[in-house]
Each structure stands twice: as structure tokens, then as C-alpha cells.
Amino acid sequence: MSEVDILYQISNLKEIDYKNTLVLTSLVELLIDKGVITRKELISKTKELDCIAVTLEGE
């Protein structure tokens, strides 16, 4: 695989990551706007899951 191919694949991955992040952010904002969740609940759950992930990495 040539260096150009690798750089092209990295570029594609960055584009996919951007689009996924945009969709996820949009969904979260819609859920908050509609009162399904609060920003505080989202932050709390994010911290909780991050702690679990960190704990599992240490095992």
C-alpha cells in the first residue's frame, strides 16, 4: 500500500469521524431541547461511563 493510499484512507476516516460526531451532537441537542434528558444528566452519565472504561482498562 502506497503512502498516498494511506493518507487517503486517513482522510476518509477523519471525514467519517466528523460526520458521526455531528450526528451524535445533533441527537443529544434534540433530546435536550425536547426535554427527554438534561445536560446535567448527560454529563453525569458521561462521567460514569468514563470511570467504568478507565477501570476496565486497568484490569
C-alpha atoms as a PDB file:
ATOM      1  CA  MET A   1       0.000   0.000   0.000  1.00  0.00           C
ATOM      2  CA  SER A   2       1.461   3.346  -1.005  1.00  0.00           C
ATOM      3  CA  GLU A   3       1.798   6.405   1.194  1.00  0.00           C
ATOM      4  CA  VAL A   4      -0.827   8.174  -0.928  1.00  0.00           C
ATOM      5  CA  ASP A   5      -3.306   5.349  -0.276  1.00  0.00           C
ATOM      6  CA  ILE A   6      -2.670   5.527   3.446  1.00  0.00           C
ATOM      7  CA  LEU A   7      -3.129   9.294   3.515  1.00  0.00           C
ATOM      8  CA  TYR A   8      -6.345   8.933   1.517  1.00  0.00           C
ATOM      9  CA  GLN A   9      -7.686   6.368   3.993  1.00  0.00           C
ATOM     10  CA  ILE A  10      -6.781   8.619   6.937  1.00  0.00           C
ATOM     11  CA  SER A  11      -8.587  11.491   5.255  1.00  0.00           C
ATOM     12  CA  ASN A  12     -11.675   9.303   4.784  1.00  0.00           C
ATOM     13  CA  LEU A  13     -11.579   8.224   8.429  1.00  0.00           C
ATOM     14  CA  LYS A  14     -11.399  11.851   9.542  1.00  0.00           C
ATOM     15  CA  GLU A  15     -14.437  12.685   7.403  1.00  0.00           C
ATOM     16  CA  ILE A  16     -16.387   9.735   8.783  1.00  0.00           C
ATOM     17  CA  ASP A  17     -15.425  10.699  12.345  1.00  0.00           C
ATOM     18  CA  TYR A  18     -16.575  14.282  11.739  1.00  0.00           C
ATOM     19  CA  LYS A  19     -19.938  13.155  10.354  1.00  0.00           C
ATOM     20  CA  ASN A  20     -20.503  10.691  13.211  1.00  0.00           C
ATOM     21  CA  THR A  21     -19.661  13.379  15.767  1.00  0.00           C
ATOM     22  CA  LEU A  22     -22.014  15.830  14.068  1.00  0.00           C
ATOM     23  CA  VAL A  23     -24.904  13.351  14.092  1.00  0.00           C
ATOM     24  CA  LEU A  24     -24.287  12.406  17.717  1.00  0.00           C
ATOM     25  CA  THR A  25     -24.124  16.052  18.783  1.00  0.00           C
ATOM     26  CA  SER A  26     -27.326  16.800  16.883  1.00  0.00           C
ATOM     27  CA  LEU A  27     -29.142  13.896  18.535  1.00  0.00           C
ATOM     28  CA  VAL A  28     -28.024  14.967  22.012  1.00  0.00           C
ATOM     29  CA  GLU A  29     -29.096  18.558  21.403  1.00  0.00           C
ATOM     30  CA  LEU A  30     -32.510  17.407  20.143  1.00  0.00           C
ATOM     31  CA  LEU A  31     -33.007  15.193  23.204  1.00  0.00           C
ATOM     32  CA  ILE A  32     -32.129  18.119  25.470  1.00  0.00           C
ATOM     33  CA  ASP A  33     -34.326  20.558  23.518  1.00  0.00           C
ATOM     34  CA  LYS A  34     -37.284  18.166  23.758  1.00  0.00           C
ATOM     35  CA  GLY A  35     -36.772  17.678  27.490  1.00  0.00           C
ATOM     36  CA  VAL A  36     -36.007  13.971  27.218  1.00  0.00           C
ATOM     37  CA  ILE A  37     -32.729  14.435  29.094  1.00  0.00           C
ATOM     38  CA  THR A  38     -30.992  17.333  30.789  1.00  0.00           C
ATOM     39  CA  ARG A  39     -27.465  18.487  30.163  1.00  0.00           C
ATOM     40  CA  LYS A  40     -26.668  17.641  33.797  1.00  0.00           C
ATOM     41  CA  GLU A  41     -27.894  14.040  33.309  1.00  0.00           C
ATOM     42  CA  LEU A  42     -25.820  13.722  30.157  1.00  0.00           C
ATOM     43  CA  ILE A  43     -22.672  14.955  31.880  1.00  0.00           C
ATOM     44  CA  SER A  44     -23.285  12.671  34.848  1.00  0.00           C
ATOM     45  CA  LYS A  45     -23.750   9.600  32.622  1.00  0.00           C
ATOM     46  CA  THR A  46     -20.687  10.519  30.569  1.00  0.00           C
ATOM     47  CA  LYS A  47     -18.538  10.701  33.706  1.00  0.00           C
ATOM     48  CA  GLU A  48     -19.980   7.416  34.966  1.00  0.00           C
ATOM     49  CA  LEU A  49     -19.214   5.572  31.732  1.00  0.00           C
ATOM     50  CA  ASP A  50     -15.751   7.118  31.528  1.00  0.00           C
ATOM     51  CA  CYS A  51     -14.959   5.858  35.043  1.00  0.00           C
ATOM     52  CA  ILE A  52     -16.087   2.370  34.062  1.00  0.00           C
ATOM     53  CA  ALA A  53     -13.934   2.451  30.927  1.00  0.00           C
ATOM     54  CA  VAL A  54     -10.889   3.625  32.875  1.00  0.00           C
ATOM     55  CA  THR A  55     -11.440   0.912  35.476  1.00  0.00           C
ATOM     56  CA  LEU A  56     -11.729  -1.787  32.815  1.00  0.00           C
ATOM     57  CA  GLU A  57      -8.532  -0.588  31.122  1.00  0.00           C
ATOM     58  CA  GLY A  58      -6.643  -1.097  34.369  1.00  0.00           C
ATOM     59  CA  GLU A  59      -7.663  -4.750  34.677  1.00  0.00           C
END
